[in-house]
Amino acid sequence: METNSTTKLITITKNKGIKFLRGDQSLFKKYSYFQVINAYKNLFAYDEDNIDEIKCNISKKIKLNYYRKSFQIKSDITDSNLYEAICNKICKKYGLHGKTLQEKEEQIKIIKYHHHIYNPGTLYTDFVRMYKFEHELRIMLLKYTLIIEENIKNIFTSYLNDINAEPNYLVNMDNYNTNSLKSKSFDTMKLIIDKYDNQKSKPIKRKRDQHLIVPYWIIINELAMNQTYYAIANLNSNDSYKIFLHCLNFFTKLNLSEENRGKTPKQLKYERKMVNNFKTLLCYLGEFRNILAHNQPLYCYNVLNYNINGKCKFEYELPITKHEYKNKMGQAVSKEKQQINIMGSLMYSLKEYFGSDNFNSNNSTKLDLSKIIYILYKMLNHIDKNTNFYYELVEIYSKYNIFLNKPIININNSNQIIELKNIISKLATYDMETSNIIERIETGKVYKKKLKGNERKLKEIIKQINSISNKITVNEIKSKYKPFPAKKRYTQFTGINEKFFSNIINE
């Protein structure tokens, strides 16, 4: 493929119709074109032309000047040769080597080339804004996903402890499900054995230097979230099911028992469905964790293909479906319909896991970013009611004015707030001894000294409150950004809009 200098990339970006303001060219040099322009083009492009549409427009003499500028076609190229010149440009960019025009066209169609078209007012800083926003969102979500990961590992280890598993449990093939030819148990075993040679892990190196077996509690700690998931999933069916059941009970309001005795077939079917659907959620979270860790764009999570002009704009990677599936009537069921059916079952399960709320009761059956954030929040909120997940989420969306514009309140000295609360609590409990004073007055006893003393103490408390209050500096930081110009498109991709933030906490 063709490589370009920074200067040429700036020219290419401008020719696409993306506007640079003063200082933006210096800003351009700080960021990767691939991670900024290429990553977020689908949010800001309002249209796209494939090679057939470009050919048709040129034959009708439509958008000739636009194509010339956008593809940097020299003025000495005639209109009759413009289309071939554009094909040559595309082939050079992607390293295609067709000899005839027809061969070039075929190769361009094979790579599914699309030329994105932007509104004239699209700013380069809009792309940078999204990049910086998602960078902060990604770090925040990764932090909380790691909490989920750590707890899954703890559940895994605790289960093996409670069944008195041998320290070499994870390297004993007898503990895995090898009944199916499609089993990935051997992949898990290879992964575990490879961990034994990880000399960068001090716990593993210490055991190896001591010529001791590396026990499962050390190995489990070395696994990433999706590796932990597959390690559990590939165990023998009894242990695998029970570990996922323990995860379900830990992260949700359900409390299912391992004991099957006394349960009806209907109840057993329900419980197995709940466990299997939660197992699916953990798989999704494991894959999502990898996206976070590897700096991938978040807004297009789970989007396999996107077609601006297509009747069905989105094609999703997950849930995994059968390539050829027929219903009871023998009719073929499309991949999209299969996915909708699977997600419908999953949305029902969310109500069982976390209780019915405005999100899981009135939401679509697409697996998008909103679902993953919702699931993360609910799982975290179940294990820790004091989690800051929601407030940090709102703060990041507000900072970049993506649907929310709540100012961030900063207090210079938080210790003074604590001190102020303590003084106010004194005021709340302060007793003027009114009954005692009234009794003194009615019985003719001396009361003025007592009254003045009580009043002096009250004034002293009020003085302290005013003194501390005057020292507290509160800064209200508002977003420096204007309303996000691609809100509608962002919602199409993510399922997130203004209502999302209230719906996920409205139980």
Protein backbone atom coordinates (compact mmCIF):
# COMPACT_ATOMS: atom_id res chain seq x y z
CA MET A 1 0.00 0.00 0.00
CA GLU A 2 1.03 3.61 -0.57
CA THR A 3 2.53 5.52 2.34
CA ASN A 4 2.18 9.28 2.80
CA SER A 5 4.12 12.00 4.56
CA THR A 6 2.45 14.09 7.27
CA THR A 7 2.23 17.05 4.88
CA LYS A 8 0.55 14.92 2.23
CA LEU A 9 -1.87 13.45 4.80
CA ILE A 10 -2.90 17.00 5.76
CA THR A 11 -3.57 17.76 2.10
CA ILE A 12 -5.55 14.52 1.70
CA THR A 13 -7.62 15.37 4.79
CA LYS A 14 -8.39 18.86 3.49
CA ASN A 15 -9.31 17.49 0.06
CA LYS A 16 -11.86 15.22 1.74
CA GLY A 17 -13.68 18.40 2.82
CA ILE A 18 -12.52 18.35 6.46
CA LYS A 19 -11.82 21.87 7.66
CA PHE A 20 -8.69 22.94 9.53
CA LEU A 21 -8.79 25.92 11.87
CA ARG A 22 -5.79 27.94 13.04
CA GLY A 23 -3.28 25.70 14.77
CA ASP A 24 -4.92 22.46 13.62
CA GLN A 25 -2.02 21.51 11.35
CA SER A 26 0.29 21.48 14.39
CA LEU A 27 -2.34 19.45 16.23
CA PHE A 28 -2.47 17.00 13.31
CA LYS A 29 1.19 16.08 13.88
CA LYS A 30 0.43 14.93 17.45
CA TYR A 31 -2.02 12.22 16.47
CA SER A 32 -2.13 9.22 14.15
CA TYR A 33 -4.21 9.70 11.00
CA PHE A 34 -5.33 6.08 11.29
CA GLN A 35 -6.48 6.44 14.93
CA VAL A 36 -8.24 9.78 14.40
CA ILE A 37 -9.55 10.31 10.85
CA ASN A 38 -9.85 6.70 9.77
CA ALA A 39 -11.24 5.50 13.12
CA TYR A 40 -14.11 8.01 13.32
CA LYS A 41 -14.93 8.66 9.66
CA ASN A 42 -18.23 6.76 9.90
CA LEU A 43 -19.49 9.21 12.53
CA PHE A 44 -18.94 12.31 10.43
CA ALA A 45 -19.35 11.20 6.78
CA TYR A 46 -22.87 11.90 5.53
CA ASP A 47 -22.52 9.84 2.35
CA GLU A 48 -20.16 7.50 0.52
CA ASP A 49 -19.59 6.55 -3.11
CA ASN A 50 -18.48 3.12 -4.27
CA ILE A 51 -16.60 2.76 -7.54
CA ASP A 52 -19.79 2.15 -9.55
CA GLU A 53 -21.36 5.35 -8.20
CA ILE A 54 -18.20 7.31 -9.00
CA LYS A 55 -18.25 5.93 -12.55
CA CYS A 56 -21.94 6.77 -12.96
CA ASN A 57 -21.55 10.33 -11.63
CA ILE A 58 -18.58 11.05 -13.90
CA SER A 59 -20.45 9.72 -16.95
CA LYS A 60 -23.29 12.14 -16.07
CA LYS A 61 -20.74 14.91 -15.40
CA ILE A 62 -21.82 15.15 -11.74
CA LYS A 63 -19.36 16.25 -9.00
CA LEU A 64 -16.43 16.40 -11.44
CA ASN A 65 -14.63 19.19 -9.59
CA TYR A 66 -15.24 17.48 -6.26
CA TYR A 67 -13.68 14.23 -7.52
CA ARG A 68 -10.73 16.09 -9.06
CA LYS A 69 -9.94 17.82 -5.79
CA SER A 70 -10.65 14.85 -3.57
CA PHE A 71 -8.45 12.44 -5.57
CA GLN A 72 -5.89 15.15 -6.46
CA ILE A 73 -6.26 14.69 -10.21
CA LYS A 74 -4.14 17.10 -12.24
CA SER A 75 -5.88 19.68 -14.41
CA ASP A 76 -4.35 18.33 -17.65
CA ILE A 77 -6.41 15.13 -17.29
CA THR A 78 -9.53 15.47 -19.45
CA ASP A 79 -13.01 14.64 -18.18
CA SER A 80 -13.08 11.60 -20.47
CA ASN A 81 -9.99 10.20 -18.72
CA LEU A 82 -11.00 11.28 -15.20
CA TYR A 83 -12.57 7.97 -14.16
CA GLU A 84 -9.52 5.90 -15.19
CA ALA A 85 -7.23 8.38 -13.43
CA ILE A 86 -9.27 7.91 -10.23
CA CYS A 87 -9.02 4.12 -10.59
CA ASN A 88 -5.26 4.47 -10.97
CA LYS A 89 -5.12 6.55 -7.77
CA ILE A 90 -7.14 3.99 -5.82
CA CYS A 91 -5.02 1.11 -7.12
CA LYS A 92 -1.81 2.90 -6.20
CA LYS A 93 -3.12 3.64 -2.70
CA TYR A 94 -4.03 0.01 -1.98
CA GLY A 95 -1.21 -1.70 -3.89
CA LEU A 96 -3.47 -3.17 -6.58
CA HIS A 97 -1.86 -4.18 -9.88
CA GLY A 98 -4.56 -4.46 -12.51
CA LYS A 99 -3.37 -3.88 -16.05
CA THR A 100 -6.57 -3.03 -17.88
CA LEU A 101 -9.29 -0.69 -16.63
CA GLN A 102 -11.63 -3.64 -16.22
CA GLU A 103 -9.09 -5.50 -14.05
CA LYS A 104 -8.61 -2.40 -11.93
CA GLU A 105 -12.38 -2.03 -11.46
CA GLU A 106 -12.71 -5.67 -10.39
CA GLN A 107 -9.88 -5.38 -7.87
CA ILE A 108 -11.34 -2.18 -6.44
CA LYS A 109 -14.71 -3.92 -6.00
CA ILE A 110 -13.05 -6.89 -4.28
CA ILE A 111 -11.66 -4.61 -1.53
CA LYS A 112 -15.13 -3.00 -1.23
CA TYR A 113 -13.76 0.50 -1.71
CA HIS A 114 -15.89 3.40 -0.49
CA HIS A 115 -15.13 7.09 -0.82
CA HIS A 116 -16.46 8.99 2.22
CA ILE A 117 -18.11 12.39 1.74
CA TYR A 118 -18.24 14.96 4.54
CA ASN A 119 -20.40 18.00 5.23
CA PRO A 120 -18.56 21.26 4.40
CA GLY A 121 -18.56 22.31 8.08
CA THR A 122 -16.88 19.14 9.37
CA LEU A 123 -13.91 20.14 11.53
CA TYR A 124 -10.69 18.25 12.10
CA THR A 125 -11.11 19.07 15.79
CA ASP A 126 -14.39 17.09 15.77
CA PHE A 127 -12.32 13.98 15.06
CA VAL A 128 -9.74 14.86 17.73
CA ARG A 129 -12.55 15.46 20.19
CA MET A 130 -13.91 11.95 19.62
CA TYR A 131 -10.43 10.46 19.90
CA LYS A 132 -9.75 12.18 23.23
CA PHE A 133 -13.25 11.39 24.53
CA GLU A 134 -12.95 7.70 23.72
CA HIS A 135 -9.43 7.61 25.14
CA GLU A 136 -10.73 8.74 28.54
CA LEU A 137 -13.82 6.53 28.31
CA ARG A 138 -11.67 3.53 27.42
CA ILE A 139 -9.38 4.01 30.43
CA MET A 140 -12.34 4.40 32.77
CA LEU A 141 -14.13 1.30 31.45
CA LEU A 142 -10.94 -0.77 31.54
CA LYS A 143 -10.39 0.15 35.18
CA TYR A 144 -13.82 -1.18 36.12
CA THR A 145 -13.67 -4.19 33.80
CA LEU A 146 -10.51 -5.28 35.62
CA ILE A 147 -12.54 -5.34 38.86
CA ILE A 148 -14.94 -7.79 37.22
CA GLU A 149 -11.98 -9.80 35.93
CA GLU A 150 -10.36 -10.00 39.36
CA ASN A 151 -13.60 -11.20 40.98
CA ILE A 152 -14.08 -13.93 38.35
CA LYS A 153 -10.56 -15.16 39.07
CA ASN A 154 -11.29 -15.14 42.81
CA ILE A 155 -14.47 -17.19 42.25
CA PHE A 156 -12.55 -19.63 40.03
CA THR A 157 -9.79 -20.07 42.62
CA SER A 158 -12.22 -20.33 45.54
CA TYR A 159 -14.22 -23.05 43.81
CA LEU A 160 -11.10 -25.15 43.22
CA ASN A 161 -10.05 -24.57 46.82
CA ASP A 162 -13.45 -25.72 48.10
CA ILE A 163 -13.42 -28.97 46.10
CA ASN A 164 -9.87 -29.70 47.34
CA ALA A 165 -8.48 -29.65 43.82
CA GLU A 166 -4.91 -30.80 43.29
CA PRO A 167 -2.43 -27.94 42.70
CA ASN A 168 -1.85 -29.27 39.15
CA TYR A 169 -5.59 -29.21 38.39
CA LEU A 170 -5.21 -26.93 35.34
CA VAL A 171 -2.56 -29.10 33.67
CA ASN A 172 -4.44 -32.37 34.15
CA MET A 173 -6.33 -33.21 30.96
CA ASP A 174 -8.75 -35.38 32.94
CA ASN A 175 -10.30 -32.14 34.27
CA TYR A 176 -11.26 -30.89 30.79
CA ASN A 177 -14.08 -31.60 28.39
CA THR A 178 -12.53 -33.53 25.50
CA ASN A 179 -15.67 -35.29 24.30
CA SER A 180 -16.23 -33.01 21.32
CA LEU A 181 -14.02 -32.73 18.25
CA LYS A 182 -14.70 -28.97 18.39
CA SER A 183 -13.45 -28.77 21.97
CA LYS A 184 -10.87 -26.08 22.60
CA SER A 185 -9.61 -27.78 25.73
CA PHE A 186 -6.27 -28.53 24.09
CA ASP A 187 -5.87 -24.82 23.28
CA THR A 188 -6.48 -24.02 26.93
CA MET A 189 -3.99 -26.65 28.03
CA LYS A 190 -1.37 -25.21 25.68
CA LEU A 191 -2.05 -21.72 27.05
CA ILE A 192 -1.64 -22.95 30.63
CA ILE A 193 1.59 -24.82 29.82
CA ASP A 194 2.95 -21.72 28.06
CA LYS A 195 2.29 -19.77 31.24
CA TYR A 196 4.70 -22.13 33.02
CA ASP A 197 7.51 -20.67 30.93
CA ASN A 198 6.66 -17.05 31.70
CA GLN A 199 9.96 -15.96 33.24
CA LYS A 200 8.71 -12.38 33.60
CA SER A 201 6.24 -13.50 36.27
CA LYS A 202 8.04 -13.52 39.61
CA PRO A 203 5.64 -16.01 41.29
CA ILE A 204 6.00 -18.47 38.39
CA LYS A 205 9.77 -18.02 38.14
CA ARG A 206 10.13 -18.60 41.88
CA LYS A 207 8.24 -21.89 41.73
CA ARG A 208 10.20 -23.03 38.68
CA ASP A 209 13.53 -22.13 40.33
CA GLN A 210 12.42 -24.17 43.35
CA HIS A 211 11.60 -27.09 41.00
CA LEU A 212 8.02 -27.01 42.28
CA ILE A 213 4.77 -27.27 40.37
CA VAL A 214 3.11 -23.91 39.65
CA PRO A 215 -0.26 -24.22 41.44
CA TYR A 216 -3.57 -23.23 39.87
CA TRP A 217 -3.99 -20.15 42.11
CA ILE A 218 -0.85 -18.62 40.61
CA ILE A 219 -1.72 -19.61 37.03
CA ILE A 220 -5.26 -18.20 37.30
CA ASN A 221 -3.84 -14.88 38.43
CA GLU A 222 -1.73 -14.75 35.24
CA LEU A 223 -4.70 -15.15 32.88
CA ALA A 224 -6.42 -12.30 31.05
CA MET A 225 -10.20 -12.05 31.34
CA ASN A 226 -11.09 -13.90 28.14
CA GLN A 227 -8.39 -16.51 28.89
CA THR A 228 -9.99 -17.04 32.30
CA TYR A 229 -13.39 -17.39 30.66
CA TYR A 230 -12.22 -20.04 28.17
CA ALA A 231 -10.28 -21.89 30.88
CA ILE A 232 -13.52 -22.24 32.86
CA ALA A 233 -15.64 -22.96 29.77
CA ASN A 234 -13.36 -25.81 28.66
CA LEU A 235 -13.36 -27.65 31.99
CA ASN A 236 -15.47 -30.77 32.52
CA SER A 237 -19.14 -29.84 32.31
CA ASN A 238 -19.82 -30.26 36.05
CA ASP A 239 -17.07 -27.94 37.30
CA SER A 240 -17.56 -25.47 34.45
CA TYR A 241 -21.30 -25.11 35.10
CA LYS A 242 -20.86 -24.69 38.85
CA ILE A 243 -18.16 -22.00 38.50
CA PHE A 244 -20.34 -19.99 36.11
CA LEU A 245 -23.28 -20.49 38.50
CA HIS A 246 -21.16 -19.04 41.33
CA CYS A 247 -20.31 -16.08 39.07
CA LEU A 248 -24.02 -15.56 38.34
CA ASN A 249 -24.89 -15.56 42.05
CA PHE A 250 -22.04 -13.19 42.87
CA PHE A 251 -22.73 -10.55 40.23
CA THR A 252 -26.56 -10.61 40.15
CA LYS A 253 -29.54 -10.72 42.50
CA LEU A 254 -30.19 -14.39 41.69
CA ASN A 255 -29.23 -17.02 44.23
CA LEU A 256 -29.34 -20.42 42.55
CA SER A 257 -28.20 -23.54 44.39
CA GLU A 258 -25.91 -26.24 43.02
CA GLU A 259 -28.26 -28.93 44.35
CA ASN A 260 -30.74 -30.22 41.76
CA ARG A 261 -32.71 -32.44 44.13
CA GLY A 262 -36.36 -31.41 44.47
CA LYS A 263 -36.32 -29.06 41.44
CA THR A 264 -38.90 -29.48 38.68
CA PRO A 265 -37.77 -29.95 35.05
CA LYS A 266 -39.11 -26.46 34.31
CA GLN A 267 -37.06 -24.96 37.14
CA LEU A 268 -33.92 -26.80 36.05
CA LYS A 269 -34.41 -25.57 32.47
CA TYR A 270 -34.86 -21.98 33.71
CA GLU A 271 -31.72 -22.13 35.89
CA ARG A 272 -29.60 -23.60 33.11
CA LYS A 273 -30.81 -20.86 30.77
CA MET A 274 -29.89 -18.19 33.35
CA VAL A 275 -26.41 -19.65 33.82
CA ASN A 276 -25.75 -20.11 30.10
CA ASN A 277 -26.91 -16.57 29.25
CA PHE A 278 -24.72 -15.13 31.99
CA LYS A 279 -21.84 -17.20 30.67
CA THR A 280 -22.45 -15.51 27.31
CA LEU A 281 -22.31 -12.08 28.96
CA LEU A 282 -18.95 -12.89 30.54
CA CYS A 283 -17.66 -13.95 27.11
CA TYR A 284 -18.76 -10.60 25.64
CA LEU A 285 -17.09 -8.72 28.51
CA GLY A 286 -13.86 -10.65 27.98
CA GLU A 287 -13.76 -9.68 24.31
CA PHE A 288 -14.66 -6.10 25.21
CA ARG A 289 -11.80 -6.01 27.72
CA ASN A 290 -9.40 -6.79 24.84
CA ILE A 291 -10.80 -3.91 22.79
CA LEU A 292 -10.19 -1.58 25.75
CA ALA A 293 -6.66 -2.86 26.34
CA HIS A 294 -5.67 -2.61 22.68
CA ASN A 295 -6.87 0.96 22.12
CA GLN A 296 -9.64 0.12 19.65
CA PRO A 297 -12.53 2.53 18.84
CA LEU A 298 -15.50 1.96 21.14
CA TYR A 299 -18.43 3.55 19.32
CA CYS A 300 -18.40 0.80 16.66
CA TYR A 301 -18.13 -2.04 19.17
CA ASN A 302 -19.52 -5.25 17.62
CA VAL A 303 -20.19 -3.60 14.22
CA LEU A 304 -18.89 -5.94 11.51
CA ASN A 305 -19.96 -3.80 8.54
CA TYR A 306 -21.60 -0.41 8.16
CA ASN A 307 -23.29 0.84 5.02
CA ILE A 308 -24.45 4.46 5.12
CA ASN A 309 -26.78 4.04 2.15
CA GLY A 310 -27.91 0.47 2.79
CA LYS A 311 -31.42 -0.47 3.81
CA CYS A 312 -29.86 -2.47 6.64
CA LYS A 313 -27.05 -0.17 7.75
CA PHE A 314 -25.43 -2.44 10.32
CA GLU A 315 -24.13 -5.99 10.33
CA TYR A 316 -23.04 -7.29 13.75
CA GLU A 317 -20.33 -9.78 14.71
CA LEU A 318 -22.10 -11.05 17.83
CA PRO A 319 -24.10 -13.01 18.87
CA ILE A 320 -22.53 -15.89 16.93
CA THR A 321 -25.11 -17.57 14.72
CA LYS A 322 -25.38 -20.63 12.51
CA HIS A 323 -24.55 -20.06 8.84
CA GLU A 324 -27.49 -22.16 7.71
CA TYR A 325 -30.39 -22.29 10.13
CA LYS A 326 -34.01 -23.19 9.45
CA ASN A 327 -37.03 -22.77 11.70
CA LYS A 328 -39.62 -25.45 12.50
CA MET A 329 -41.38 -24.67 9.22
CA GLY A 330 -38.18 -25.42 7.28
CA GLN A 331 -37.72 -21.76 6.35
CA ALA A 332 -34.22 -20.24 6.31
CA VAL A 333 -33.61 -17.74 9.12
CA SER A 334 -31.28 -14.84 8.35
CA LYS A 335 -28.25 -14.06 10.50
CA GLU A 336 -29.86 -10.78 11.59
CA LYS A 337 -33.08 -12.52 12.70
CA GLN A 338 -31.10 -15.15 14.59
CA GLN A 339 -29.15 -12.45 16.41
CA ILE A 340 -32.34 -10.58 17.32
CA ASN A 341 -33.83 -13.77 18.76
CA ILE A 342 -30.71 -14.50 20.83
CA MET A 343 -30.52 -10.92 22.13
CA GLY A 344 -34.23 -11.01 22.95
CA SER A 345 -33.55 -13.94 25.27
CA LEU A 346 -30.58 -12.10 26.73
CA MET A 347 -32.61 -8.94 27.40
CA TYR A 348 -35.16 -11.06 29.27
CA SER A 349 -32.33 -12.47 31.37
CA LEU A 350 -31.10 -8.98 32.25
CA LYS A 351 -34.43 -8.34 33.98
CA GLU A 352 -33.95 -11.51 35.99
CA TYR A 353 -30.35 -10.63 36.86
CA PHE A 354 -30.77 -7.00 37.86
CA GLY A 355 -34.49 -6.33 38.12
CA SER A 356 -36.70 -4.58 35.59
CA ASP A 357 -35.73 -1.00 34.73
CA ASN A 358 -36.26 1.54 31.97
CA PHE A 359 -33.26 0.27 30.04
CA ASN A 360 -33.86 -3.48 29.92
CA SER A 361 -37.64 -3.08 29.54
CA ASN A 362 -37.65 -0.71 26.57
CA ASN A 363 -34.42 -1.38 24.70
CA SER A 364 -33.54 -2.77 21.30
CA THR A 365 -32.11 -6.21 20.73
CA LYS A 366 -28.82 -5.03 19.22
CA LEU A 367 -25.60 -5.84 21.02
CA ASP A 368 -23.93 -2.43 21.10
CA LEU A 369 -21.88 -0.24 23.44
CA SER A 370 -24.91 0.72 25.53
CA LYS A 371 -25.52 -2.95 26.47
CA ILE A 372 -21.92 -3.51 27.56
CA ILE A 373 -21.80 -0.32 29.66
CA TYR A 374 -25.17 -1.19 31.22
CA ILE A 375 -24.06 -4.73 32.10
CA LEU A 376 -20.79 -3.46 33.59
CA TYR A 377 -22.59 -0.87 35.70
CA LYS A 378 -25.21 -3.31 37.00
CA MET A 379 -22.65 -5.97 37.90
CA LEU A 380 -20.46 -3.44 39.69
CA ASN A 381 -23.39 -1.82 41.45
CA HIS A 382 -24.51 -5.22 42.73
CA ILE A 383 -21.16 -6.00 44.36
CA ASP A 384 -20.46 -2.43 45.53
CA LYS A 385 -23.27 0.10 46.04
CA ASN A 386 -20.65 2.83 46.52
CA THR A 387 -19.13 2.39 43.06
CA ASN A 388 -18.27 5.65 41.26
CA PHE A 389 -18.81 4.06 37.84
CA TYR A 390 -21.96 6.01 36.97
CA TYR A 391 -20.61 9.39 38.13
CA GLU A 392 -17.36 8.95 36.22
CA LEU A 393 -19.30 7.94 33.12
CA VAL A 394 -21.49 11.06 33.34
CA GLU A 395 -18.42 13.23 33.96
CA ILE A 396 -16.63 12.01 30.81
CA TYR A 397 -19.69 12.44 28.57
CA SER A 398 -20.26 15.89 30.08
CA LYS A 399 -16.63 16.96 29.68
CA TYR A 400 -16.84 16.44 25.91
CA ASN A 401 -20.50 17.53 25.68
CA ILE A 402 -21.63 14.21 24.23
CA PHE A 403 -25.38 14.39 25.10
CA LEU A 404 -24.57 15.70 28.60
CA ASN A 405 -23.29 19.10 29.66
CA LYS A 406 -23.20 18.91 33.45
CA PRO A 407 -20.47 21.12 34.91
CA ILE A 408 -17.72 19.46 36.93
CA ILE A 409 -17.54 20.80 40.48
CA ASN A 410 -14.03 21.01 41.94
CA ILE A 411 -13.32 21.90 45.57
CA ASN A 412 -9.80 23.02 46.39
CA ASN A 413 -9.67 21.59 49.91
CA SER A 414 -12.00 18.65 50.52
CA ASN A 415 -10.83 18.44 54.16
CA GLN A 416 -12.60 21.73 54.84
CA ILE A 417 -15.88 20.16 53.69
CA ILE A 418 -15.45 17.43 56.29
CA GLU A 419 -14.63 20.06 58.92
CA LEU A 420 -17.70 22.08 57.90
CA LYS A 421 -19.94 19.01 58.16
CA ASN A 422 -18.65 18.33 61.67
CA ILE A 423 -19.40 21.91 62.79
CA ILE A 424 -22.88 21.80 61.19
CA SER A 425 -23.57 18.56 63.06
CA LYS A 426 -22.80 20.45 66.28
CA LEU A 427 -25.35 23.08 65.27
CA ALA A 428 -27.93 20.39 64.53
CA THR A 429 -27.55 18.92 68.00
CA TYR A 430 -27.08 22.20 69.90
CA ASP A 431 -29.60 22.71 72.70
CA MET A 432 -30.56 26.26 73.76
CA GLU A 433 -32.16 24.71 76.86
CA THR A 434 -35.36 26.63 76.14
CA SER A 435 -37.46 24.65 78.63
CA ASN A 436 -34.95 25.27 81.38
CA ILE A 437 -34.86 29.02 80.64
CA ILE A 438 -38.69 29.25 80.62
CA GLU A 439 -38.85 27.41 83.95
CA ARG A 440 -36.33 29.86 85.45
CA ILE A 441 -38.37 32.82 84.24
CA GLU A 442 -41.65 31.42 85.59
CA THR A 443 -40.15 30.55 89.01
CA GLY A 444 -38.37 33.90 89.33
CA LYS A 445 -34.88 32.43 89.13
CA VAL A 446 -31.91 34.14 87.48
CA TYR A 447 -31.94 33.31 83.78
CA LYS A 448 -30.23 36.12 81.82
CA LYS A 449 -26.68 34.86 82.45
CA LYS A 450 -27.67 31.36 81.36
CA LEU A 451 -29.49 32.67 78.25
CA LYS A 452 -26.59 34.89 77.22
CA GLY A 453 -24.13 32.00 77.73
CA ASN A 454 -26.18 29.72 75.50
CA GLU A 455 -26.52 32.47 72.89
CA ARG A 456 -22.74 33.06 72.96
CA LYS A 457 -22.07 29.35 72.30
CA LEU A 458 -24.55 29.40 69.41
CA LYS A 459 -22.92 32.46 67.86
CA GLU A 460 -19.51 30.82 68.17
CA ILE A 461 -20.72 27.78 66.21
CA ILE A 462 -22.23 30.04 63.52
CA LYS A 463 -18.97 32.02 63.38
CA GLN A 464 -17.00 28.82 62.81
CA ILE A 465 -19.40 27.78 60.03
CA ASN A 466 -19.04 31.15 58.28
CA SER A 467 -15.27 31.14 58.70
CA ILE A 468 -14.83 27.70 57.11
CA SER A 469 -17.43 28.41 54.39
CA ASN A 470 -15.58 31.56 53.31
CA LYS A 471 -12.36 29.59 52.89
CA ILE A 472 -13.89 26.93 50.65
CA THR A 473 -13.33 27.62 46.97
CA VAL A 474 -15.69 25.89 44.57
CA ASN A 475 -14.82 25.84 40.86
CA GLU A 476 -17.48 25.04 38.30
CA ILE A 477 -15.84 23.72 35.15
CA LYS A 478 -18.09 23.63 32.08
CA SER A 479 -17.37 21.79 28.86
CA LYS A 480 -15.37 23.84 26.35
CA TYR A 481 -17.08 22.02 23.50
CA LYS A 482 -20.19 22.95 21.56
CA PRO A 483 -23.00 20.35 21.27
CA PHE A 484 -21.70 17.25 19.52
CA PRO A 485 -22.50 17.50 15.78
CA ALA A 486 -22.78 13.73 15.18
CA LYS A 487 -25.18 12.82 18.02
CA LYS A 488 -27.68 11.04 15.80
CA ARG A 489 -25.04 8.87 14.14
CA TYR A 490 -23.39 8.13 17.50
CA THR A 491 -26.73 6.89 18.85
CA GLN A 492 -27.20 4.68 15.78
CA PHE A 493 -23.87 3.00 16.48
CA THR A 494 -23.95 2.83 20.29
CA GLY A 495 -27.59 2.94 21.40
CA ILE A 496 -26.60 5.78 23.74
CA ASN A 497 -28.59 9.03 23.88
CA GLU A 498 -29.71 11.54 26.52
CA LYS A 499 -32.19 9.08 28.07
CA PHE A 500 -29.61 6.32 28.46
CA PHE A 501 -28.07 7.87 31.57
CA SER A 502 -31.35 8.14 33.45
CA ASN A 503 -32.68 4.80 32.19
CA ILE A 504 -29.83 2.71 33.57
CA ILE A 505 -30.31 4.02 37.13
CA ASN A 506 -34.13 4.15 37.09
CA GLU A 507 -35.04 0.89 38.80
